[in-house]
Protein backbone atom coordinates (compact mmCIF):
# COMPACT_ATOMS: atom_id res chain seq x y z
CA MET A 1 125.69 109.88 79.85
CA LYS A 2 127.44 106.51 79.85
CA ILE A 3 130.87 106.34 78.17
CA LEU A 4 132.95 103.28 77.40
CA SER A 5 136.56 104.36 76.95
CA ILE A 6 139.67 102.52 75.80
CA ASP A 7 143.38 103.18 76.11
CA SER A 8 145.99 101.11 74.28
CA SER A 9 148.37 103.93 73.37
CA ALA A 10 151.45 102.51 75.11
CA LYS A 11 152.58 99.44 77.07
CA THR A 12 149.59 99.48 79.43
CA ALA A 13 145.99 98.95 78.36
CA SER A 14 142.77 99.87 80.11
CA VAL A 15 139.02 100.03 79.64
CA ALA A 16 136.63 102.13 81.73
CA VAL A 17 132.88 102.56 81.94
CA THR A 18 131.66 105.86 83.35
CA GLN A 19 128.39 107.64 83.95
CA ASN A 20 129.06 111.37 83.72
CA ARG A 21 132.17 111.73 85.93
CA THR A 22 131.51 108.63 88.02
CA LEU A 23 133.67 105.57 87.38
CA LEU A 24 131.43 102.48 87.23
CA SER A 25 134.10 99.92 86.35
CA GLU A 26 137.66 99.78 85.14
CA CYS A 27 140.08 97.11 83.86
CA PHE A 28 143.82 97.82 83.70
CA VAL A 29 146.62 95.57 82.40
CA ASN A 30 150.38 96.10 82.54
CA ALA A 31 151.53 92.54 81.90
CA GLY A 32 153.27 93.03 78.55
CA LEU A 33 150.57 91.15 76.61
CA THR A 34 149.59 92.34 73.15
CA HIS A 35 146.66 94.74 73.05
CA SER A 36 145.01 92.77 70.26
CA ARG A 37 144.86 89.85 72.69
CA THR A 38 143.64 91.66 75.80
CA LEU A 39 141.50 94.60 74.72
CA MET A 40 138.14 93.07 73.74
CA PRO A 41 138.04 90.66 76.74
CA MET A 42 138.65 93.75 78.90
CA VAL A 43 135.70 95.51 77.23
CA ASP A 44 133.46 92.52 78.00
CA ASN A 45 134.73 92.41 81.59
CA ALA A 46 134.25 96.14 82.21
CA LEU A 47 130.68 96.03 80.89
CA SER A 48 129.93 92.95 82.98
CA GLN A 49 131.28 94.57 86.14
CA ALA A 50 129.04 97.59 85.52
CA ASP A 51 126.06 95.30 84.76
CA LEU A 52 125.68 96.94 81.36
CA LYS A 53 125.49 95.90 77.71
CA ILE A 54 126.90 97.57 74.62
CA ASP A 55 123.47 99.00 73.82
CA ASP A 56 123.49 100.86 77.15
CA ILE A 57 126.55 102.89 76.15
CA ASP A 58 125.96 106.40 74.78
CA VAL A 59 129.48 107.24 73.56
CA PHE A 60 132.64 105.25 72.81
CA CYS A 61 135.93 106.96 73.53
CA VAL A 62 139.61 106.24 72.88
CA ASN A 63 143.01 107.79 73.50
CA SER A 64 143.78 108.39 69.82
CA GLY A 65 147.40 109.52 70.21
CA PRO A 66 150.16 110.31 70.45
CA GLY A 67 151.80 107.07 71.56
CA SER A 68 152.66 103.67 70.15
CA PHE A 69 151.74 103.56 66.47
CA THR A 70 150.47 99.98 66.69
CA GLY A 71 148.72 100.47 70.00
CA ILE A 72 146.90 103.57 68.80
CA ARG A 73 145.70 101.79 65.65
CA ILE A 74 144.35 98.88 67.71
CA GLY A 75 142.44 101.16 70.09
CA VAL A 76 141.03 103.37 67.35
CA ALA A 77 139.96 100.34 65.28
CA ALA A 78 138.22 98.82 68.31
CA VAL A 79 136.26 101.98 69.08
CA LYS A 80 135.35 102.57 65.43
CA GLY A 81 133.96 99.03 65.27
CA LEU A 82 131.99 99.36 68.52
CA ALA A 83 130.56 102.74 67.52
CA LEU A 84 129.69 101.67 63.97
CA SER A 85 127.94 98.47 65.04
CA SER A 86 125.88 100.26 67.69
CA GLY A 87 125.17 103.43 65.73
CA LYS A 88 126.54 105.55 68.59
CA PRO A 89 129.02 108.46 68.39
CA CYS A 90 132.66 108.17 69.38
CA ALA A 91 135.35 110.53 70.60
CA GLY A 92 139.10 110.62 70.08
CA VAL A 93 140.95 112.15 73.03
CA SER A 94 144.57 113.25 73.16
CA THR A 95 146.56 110.73 75.19
CA LEU A 96 148.40 113.63 76.82
CA GLU A 97 145.14 115.30 77.81
CA ALA A 98 143.93 112.03 79.35
CA ILE A 99 147.09 111.97 81.48
CA ALA A 100 146.37 115.49 82.75
CA TYR A 101 142.95 114.35 84.00
CA ASN A 102 144.71 112.09 86.52
CA PHE A 103 145.45 115.28 88.48
CA VAL A 104 142.08 117.02 88.74
CA ASP A 105 142.56 117.27 92.52
CA GLU A 106 145.74 119.36 92.12
CA ASN A 107 146.29 123.08 91.61
CA ALA A 108 149.34 122.93 89.37
CA VAL A 109 150.63 122.77 85.83
CA VAL A 110 150.80 119.23 84.48
CA CYS A 111 153.41 118.44 81.86
CA ALA A 112 152.28 115.23 80.19
CA ALA A 113 155.23 113.62 78.41
CA MET A 114 155.50 110.34 76.52
CA ASP A 115 158.84 108.89 75.44
CA ALA A 116 159.29 109.41 71.69
CA ARG A 117 162.86 107.99 71.64
CA CYS A 118 166.00 109.80 70.45
CA ASN A 119 165.92 112.09 73.52
CA GLN A 120 162.54 113.47 72.46
CA VAL A 121 159.10 113.32 74.03
CA TYR A 122 155.54 113.91 72.94
CA ALA A 123 154.44 116.63 75.35
CA ALA A 124 151.76 119.14 76.25
CA LEU A 125 151.15 121.49 79.19
CA PHE A 126 147.89 121.77 81.09
CA SER A 127 146.78 124.05 83.92
CA VAL A 128 144.72 122.27 86.56
CA GLU A 129 142.82 124.40 89.03
CA ASP A 130 139.74 123.65 91.13
CA GLY A 131 139.03 120.49 89.16
CA VAL A 132 139.20 122.22 85.75
CA VAL A 133 141.81 121.15 83.19
CA THR A 134 142.86 123.86 80.71
CA ARG A 135 145.18 123.15 77.80
CA LEU A 136 148.13 125.56 77.57
CA CYS A 137 149.66 124.35 74.29
CA ASP A 138 149.13 121.88 71.47
CA ASP A 139 150.57 118.37 71.61
CA TYR A 140 153.99 118.32 69.99
CA ALA A 141 157.19 116.30 69.66
CA VAL A 142 160.07 118.14 71.31
CA PRO A 143 163.66 117.53 72.47
CA ILE A 144 163.85 117.29 76.25
CA ASP A 145 166.24 120.26 76.54
CA GLU A 146 163.76 122.48 74.65
CA LEU A 147 160.94 121.31 76.91
CA THR A 148 163.08 122.18 79.92
CA GLN A 149 163.43 125.75 78.65
CA GLU A 150 159.65 126.04 78.28
CA ILE A 151 158.97 124.74 81.78
CA LYS A 152 161.55 127.11 83.28
CA LYS A 153 159.21 129.95 82.26
CA ILE A 154 156.56 128.66 84.70
CA THR A 155 157.42 130.18 88.06
CA ASP A 156 154.06 130.73 89.79
CA LYS A 157 152.93 127.09 90.14
CA ALA A 158 154.28 123.64 90.80
CA VAL A 159 154.88 121.61 87.64
CA ILE A 160 153.96 117.92 87.80
CA MET A 161 155.71 115.62 85.34
CA ALA A 162 153.52 112.70 84.23
CA GLY A 163 153.44 110.07 81.49
CA ASP A 164 155.92 107.34 80.57
CA GLY A 165 158.47 110.03 79.65
CA ALA A 166 158.09 111.83 82.98
CA GLU A 167 161.01 110.22 84.81
CA LEU A 168 163.33 110.78 81.84
CA CYS A 169 162.37 114.48 81.73
CA PHE A 170 162.49 114.93 85.50
CA LYS A 171 166.05 113.62 85.72
CA ALA A 172 167.13 116.00 82.96
CA MET A 173 165.48 119.15 84.35
CA LYS A 174 165.20 118.80 88.15
CA ASP A 175 168.35 120.82 88.85
CA ALA A 176 167.34 123.61 86.46
CA VAL A 177 163.65 123.79 87.43
CA PRO A 178 163.19 123.89 91.22
CA ASN A 179 159.37 123.81 91.10
CA VAL A 180 159.13 120.60 89.05
CA ARG A 181 158.15 117.32 90.70
CA LEU A 182 157.73 113.75 89.52
CA SER A 183 154.22 112.33 89.85
CA ALA A 184 153.58 109.21 91.88
CA GLU A 185 153.82 106.12 89.70
CA PHE A 186 150.29 104.89 90.48
CA ARG A 187 148.77 107.83 88.58
CA ARG A 188 151.58 108.70 86.21
CA TYR A 189 150.30 106.88 83.13
CA GLN A 190 147.40 107.33 80.76
CA ARG A 191 144.15 105.55 81.63
CA ALA A 192 140.87 105.01 79.88
CA TYR A 193 139.20 106.80 82.80
CA GLY A 194 141.13 109.98 82.02
CA ALA A 195 139.94 109.80 78.42
CA ALA A 196 136.35 109.45 79.62
CA LEU A 197 136.68 112.49 81.91
CA ALA A 198 138.07 114.55 79.02
CA ALA A 199 135.29 113.41 76.68
CA ASN A 200 132.65 114.19 79.30
CA GLU A 201 133.93 117.79 79.43
CA ARG A 202 134.63 118.09 75.68
CA GLN A 203 131.48 117.03 73.90
CA ASP A 204 132.73 118.91 70.84
CA LEU A 205 134.90 115.82 70.34
CA PHE A 206 131.88 113.60 69.63
CA ALA A 207 131.73 112.50 66.01
CA ASP A 208 130.66 109.76 63.65
CA SER A 209 132.92 106.70 63.70
CA ALA A 210 133.99 107.37 60.10
CA LEU A 211 135.77 110.55 61.25
CA LEU A 212 137.80 108.95 64.05
CA ALA A 213 141.48 108.67 63.13
CA PRO A 214 144.81 108.07 64.87
CA VAL A 215 147.00 111.06 65.78
CA TYR A 216 150.72 110.26 65.46
CA LEU A 217 152.42 113.73 65.53
CA ARG A 218 155.28 112.35 63.44
CA LEU A 219 155.82 109.76 60.73
CA PRO A 220 156.46 106.10 61.65
CA GLN A 221 160.14 105.14 61.83
CA ALA A 222 159.99 103.15 58.57
CA GLU A 223 158.66 106.19 56.69
CA ARG A 224 161.24 108.50 58.30
CA GLU A 225 164.06 106.15 57.27
CA LEU A 226 162.71 105.90 53.73
CA LYS A 227 162.57 109.68 53.41
CA LEU A 228 166.11 109.89 54.76
CA LYS A 229 167.33 107.43 52.10
CA LYS A 230 165.61 109.51 49.44
CA GLY A 231 167.27 112.65 50.78
CA GLU A 232 163.95 114.29 51.65
């Protein structure tokens, strides 16, 4: 099964082409350019590097959130368009779950955390053992001190902090949680390849393009401020 996957859920952007679990090609950008400018050229480049065409792809996949509201919308729209035009299914993968798949060679608990501002993170915990990633909780937005209390309960395994909120969390909890460690930067962030690995294992995620939607976990800032003004 060939999967073309996209990630544009934060500052970085990436596109990967895989066959089953094998990475055929990958493009990654962390240059601060807008995703609307870089994403489709990266799709063309990744397909070219793999010597494939759109029609050769079986499933289109995207990190559908949480993350940057604008970035998620761009990635989801791109995958919906590719899937609709080709008549192929698509899959929306949790950005946090995609991060956990960076650590399939570890035997540990991975805490995937993305900075949600205001001393909060989007987070989820995953057990990784013998190449199998198992979700331990739903994705949620949580204050860092509350997340620290949850991680303190894990005493039988190392806990790896990953994601763009990992360093922030690690600094806050390292003295209170002796078994926590900060992941190496080169595999700390979400990648399209991680989304493809998750989709390859979770074929229950495959759906028609009309059903693919962003996952935000909380309202955009403008909506939160409007509700605050209304006293809601």
